[in-house]
Amino acid sequence: MSDISQDLEQAISSLVAEGKEPSVALIKARLASPLPMPVIIKALQSWKKNAKVPKIEKTTPTLTSEQRIEQLEQQVAALTARINQLEQQI
């Protein structure tokens, strides 16, 4: 998990420092990495009410064992096909 509240806070602060009214589009343009619109909207609404961005964390989805196995099987199949293609070129 990574804390993205600081990135949002910096984007909003830089807009305010330039004398611009923060909006979803302006904040989105200032972010280094893309975020879902609902997250930006939530941060902007909180900032307008409290002049503070709430703590928002970005989580990585956890895969089930079946999903991981399926992913690995696809990778093995792709690599096997590449090996066969390379062997035919030799």
Protein backbone atom coordinates (compact mmCIF):
# COMPACT_ATOMS: atom_id res chain seq x y z
CA MET A 1 0.00 0.00 0.00
CA SER A 2 1.21 3.48 -0.73
CA ASP A 3 -0.04 6.76 0.69
CA ILE A 4 -1.25 9.03 -2.12
CA SER A 5 -2.67 11.74 0.13
CA GLN A 6 0.61 13.63 -0.01
CA ASP A 7 0.57 13.68 -3.83
CA LEU A 8 -2.98 15.04 -3.80
CA GLU A 9 -2.08 17.62 -1.14
CA GLN A 10 0.91 18.80 -3.20
CA ALA A 11 -1.18 19.09 -6.36
CA ILE A 12 -3.84 21.15 -4.59
CA SER A 13 -1.25 23.31 -2.81
CA SER A 14 0.57 24.09 -6.04
CA LEU A 15 -2.70 25.16 -7.67
CA VAL A 16 -3.60 27.41 -4.74
CA ALA A 17 -0.09 28.90 -4.76
CA GLU A 18 -0.61 29.84 -8.41
CA GLY A 19 -3.91 31.49 -7.53
CA LYS A 20 -6.00 28.85 -9.28
CA GLU A 21 -9.17 27.28 -7.90
CA PRO A 22 -8.48 23.52 -7.57
CA SER A 23 -10.72 21.36 -9.75
CA VAL A 24 -10.77 17.67 -10.55
CA ALA A 25 -9.26 18.26 -13.99
CA LEU A 26 -6.48 20.52 -12.72
CA ILE A 27 -5.60 18.14 -9.89
CA LYS A 28 -5.59 15.17 -12.26
CA ALA A 29 -3.22 17.03 -14.59
CA ARG A 30 -0.79 17.72 -11.72
CA LEU A 31 -0.55 14.14 -10.45
CA ALA A 32 2.52 12.11 -11.33
CA SER A 33 0.55 8.86 -11.48
CA PRO A 34 -3.08 8.50 -12.56
CA LEU A 35 -5.76 8.06 -9.93
CA PRO A 36 -9.43 7.12 -10.25
CA MET A 37 -11.78 10.10 -10.52
CA PRO A 38 -13.76 9.19 -7.35
CA VAL A 39 -10.54 9.40 -5.32
CA ILE A 40 -9.72 12.85 -6.69
CA ILE A 41 -13.30 14.03 -6.15
CA LYS A 42 -13.27 12.78 -2.54
CA ALA A 43 -9.98 14.55 -1.85
CA LEU A 44 -11.18 17.80 -3.41
CA GLN A 45 -14.47 17.75 -1.49
CA SER A 46 -12.64 17.13 1.77
CA TRP A 47 -10.14 19.89 1.03
CA LYS A 48 -12.95 22.37 0.28
CA LYS A 49 -14.71 21.51 3.57
CA ASN A 50 -11.73 21.18 5.91
CA ALA A 51 -8.76 22.59 3.95
CA LYS A 52 -7.23 19.13 4.40
CA VAL A 53 -6.90 16.06 2.22
CA PRO A 54 -7.99 12.82 3.96
CA LYS A 55 -5.57 9.92 4.25
CA ILE A 56 -6.04 7.83 1.13
CA GLU A 57 -4.06 4.67 0.46
CA LYS A 58 -3.59 2.85 -2.79
CA THR A 59 -3.71 -0.91 -2.39
CA THR A 60 -2.56 -3.58 -4.75
CA PRO A 61 -5.22 -6.19 -5.42
CA THR A 62 -4.43 -9.64 -4.08
CA LEU A 63 -4.92 -12.52 -6.45
CA THR A 64 -6.39 -15.85 -5.52
CA SER A 65 -4.28 -18.97 -5.99
CA GLU A 66 -6.34 -19.90 -9.04
CA GLN A 67 -5.76 -16.48 -10.62
CA ARG A 68 -2.02 -16.66 -9.96
CA ILE A 69 -1.82 -20.17 -11.43
CA GLU A 70 -3.75 -19.06 -14.52
CA GLN A 71 -1.39 -16.09 -14.97
CA LEU A 72 1.67 -18.30 -14.62
CA GLU A 73 0.26 -20.84 -17.09
CA GLN A 74 -0.28 -18.06 -19.63
CA GLN A 75 3.28 -16.83 -19.13
CA VAL A 76 4.67 -20.36 -19.57
CA ALA A 77 2.64 -20.84 -22.76
CA ALA A 78 3.85 -17.52 -24.18
CA LEU A 79 7.47 -18.26 -23.32
CA THR A 80 7.24 -21.76 -24.76
CA ALA A 81 5.88 -20.32 -28.02
CA ARG A 82 8.75 -17.81 -28.15
CA ILE A 83 11.32 -20.55 -27.53
CA ASN A 84 9.83 -22.68 -30.32
CA GLN A 85 9.90 -19.71 -32.69
CA LEU A 86 13.54 -18.96 -31.83
CA GLU A 87 14.53 -22.61 -32.27
CA GLN A 88 12.97 -22.62 -35.75
CA GLN A 89 15.06 -19.58 -36.72
CA ILE A 90 18.30 -21.38 -35.84
